[in-house]
Amino acid sequence: MAGKLMHALQYDSYGGGAAGLKHVEVPVPSAKKDEVLLKLEATSLNPYDFKIQKGVARPFLPRSFPYIP
């Protein structure tokens, strides 16, 4: 799968709500030893993710963007 691109939604700053999200294409990650790569057909946004993007959790989780875990 190396070299292929996938679609993603990404935000690069706090705030902005849905308007702050950008549709981007990023490289498909490759699984390392003892890892599994899953192909997702759908995903969701939970309330905590929304609060991080909105900036409510900023005092507790100061992140630089883009944040890649």
C-alpha atoms as a PDB file:
ATOM      1  CA  MET A   1       0.000   0.000   0.000  1.00  0.00           C
ATOM      2  CA  ALA A   2       2.989   2.311   0.181  1.00  0.00           C
ATOM      3  CA  GLY A   3       2.793   5.229  -2.215  1.00  0.00           C
ATOM      4  CA  LYS A   4      -1.014   5.312  -2.344  1.00  0.00           C
ATOM      5  CA  LEU A   5      -3.029   8.266  -1.111  1.00  0.00           C
ATOM      6  CA  MET A   6      -6.169   8.317   1.008  1.00  0.00           C
ATOM      7  CA  HIS A   7      -8.769  10.994   1.683  1.00  0.00           C
ATOM      8  CA  ALA A   8      -8.825  12.641   5.101  1.00  0.00           C
ATOM      9  CA  LEU A   9     -10.390  15.533   6.976  1.00  0.00           C
ATOM     10  CA  GLN A  10      -7.832  17.592   8.835  1.00  0.00           C
ATOM     11  CA  TYR A  11      -7.763  20.749  10.907  1.00  0.00           C
ATOM     12  CA  ASP A  12      -4.620  22.800  11.495  1.00  0.00           C
ATOM     13  CA  SER A  13      -5.740  25.242  14.179  1.00  0.00           C
ATOM     14  CA  TYR A  14      -8.213  25.562  17.011  1.00  0.00           C
ATOM     15  CA  GLY A  15     -11.718  26.778  16.280  1.00  0.00           C
ATOM     16  CA  GLY A  16     -13.616  27.226  13.076  1.00  0.00           C
ATOM     17  CA  GLY A  17     -16.017  24.327  13.584  1.00  0.00           C
ATOM     18  CA  ALA A  18     -16.898  22.497  10.387  1.00  0.00           C
ATOM     19  CA  ALA A  19     -15.449  25.373   8.335  1.00  0.00           C
ATOM     20  CA  GLY A  20     -12.045  24.703   9.938  1.00  0.00           C
ATOM     21  CA  LEU A  21     -11.881  21.198   8.483  1.00  0.00           C
ATOM     22  CA  LYS A  22      -9.917  20.677   5.271  1.00  0.00           C
ATOM     23  CA  HIS A  23     -10.325  17.823   2.815  1.00  0.00           C
ATOM     24  CA  VAL A  24      -6.805  16.555   2.077  1.00  0.00           C
ATOM     25  CA  GLU A  25      -5.091  13.548   0.569  1.00  0.00           C
ATOM     26  CA  VAL A  26      -2.398  11.949   2.723  1.00  0.00           C
ATOM     27  CA  PRO A  27      -0.192   8.887   2.245  1.00  0.00           C
ATOM     28  CA  VAL A  28      -1.689   5.568   3.346  1.00  0.00           C
ATOM     29  CA  PRO A  29       0.222   4.470   6.457  1.00  0.00           C
ATOM     30  CA  SER A  30       1.998   1.135   6.422  1.00  0.00           C
ATOM     31  CA  ALA A  31       1.689  -1.344   9.263  1.00  0.00           C
ATOM     32  CA  LYS A  32       4.855  -1.987  11.233  1.00  0.00           C
ATOM     33  CA  LYS A  33       5.762  -5.194  13.024  1.00  0.00           C
ATOM     34  CA  ASP A  34       3.017  -6.230  15.474  1.00  0.00           C
ATOM     35  CA  GLU A  35       0.557  -3.676  14.001  1.00  0.00           C
ATOM     36  CA  VAL A  36      -2.575  -4.075  11.914  1.00  0.00           C
ATOM     37  CA  LEU A  37      -3.743  -1.698   9.180  1.00  0.00           C
ATOM     38  CA  LEU A  38      -7.540  -1.397   8.956  1.00  0.00           C
ATOM     39  CA  LYS A  39      -9.497  -0.101   5.997  1.00  0.00           C
ATOM     40  CA  LEU A  40     -12.421   1.999   7.257  1.00  0.00           C
ATOM     41  CA  GLU A  41     -15.576   2.666   5.313  1.00  0.00           C
ATOM     42  CA  ALA A  42     -16.984   5.154   7.824  1.00  0.00           C
ATOM     43  CA  THR A  43     -15.983   6.968  10.992  1.00  0.00           C
ATOM     44  CA  SER A  44     -17.487   9.358  13.497  1.00  0.00           C
ATOM     45  CA  LEU A  45     -16.592  12.362  15.593  1.00  0.00           C
ATOM     46  CA  ASN A  46     -17.131  12.006  19.316  1.00  0.00           C
ATOM     47  CA  PRO A  47     -17.823  14.924  21.684  1.00  0.00           C
ATOM     48  CA  TYR A  48     -14.263  14.971  23.023  1.00  0.00           C
ATOM     49  CA  ASP A  49     -12.791  15.316  19.510  1.00  0.00           C
ATOM     50  CA  PHE A  50     -15.140  18.235  18.881  1.00  0.00           C
ATOM     51  CA  LYS A  51     -14.039  19.913  22.125  1.00  0.00           C
ATOM     52  CA  ILE A  52     -10.356  19.540  21.191  1.00  0.00           C
ATOM     53  CA  GLN A  53     -10.967  21.184  17.803  1.00  0.00           C
ATOM     54  CA  LYS A  54     -13.128  23.899  19.341  1.00  0.00           C
ATOM     55  CA  GLY A  55     -10.345  24.738  21.800  1.00  0.00           C
ATOM     56  CA  VAL A  56     -12.209  23.920  25.014  1.00  0.00           C
ATOM     57  CA  ALA A  57      -9.623  21.292  25.994  1.00  0.00           C
ATOM     58  CA  ARG A  58      -6.665  23.477  24.956  1.00  0.00           C
ATOM     59  CA  PRO A  59      -5.551  24.271  28.544  1.00  0.00           C
ATOM     60  CA  PHE A  60      -5.345  20.536  29.237  1.00  0.00           C
ATOM     61  CA  LEU A  61      -4.014  19.316  25.884  1.00  0.00           C
ATOM     62  CA  PRO A  62      -1.914  22.012  24.224  1.00  0.00           C
ATOM     63  CA  ARG A  63      -1.202  20.493  20.804  1.00  0.00           C
ATOM     64  CA  SER A  64       0.647  21.737  17.809  1.00  0.00           C
ATOM     65  CA  PHE A  65      -0.896  21.123  14.398  1.00  0.00           C
ATOM     66  CA  PRO A  66      -1.021  18.914  12.521  1.00  0.00           C
ATOM     67  CA  TYR A  67      -1.100  16.449  15.410  1.00  0.00           C
ATOM     68  CA  ILE A  68      -0.143  12.941  14.396  1.00  0.00           C
ATOM     69  CA  PRO A  69      -0.310  10.447  17.261  1.00  0.00           C
END
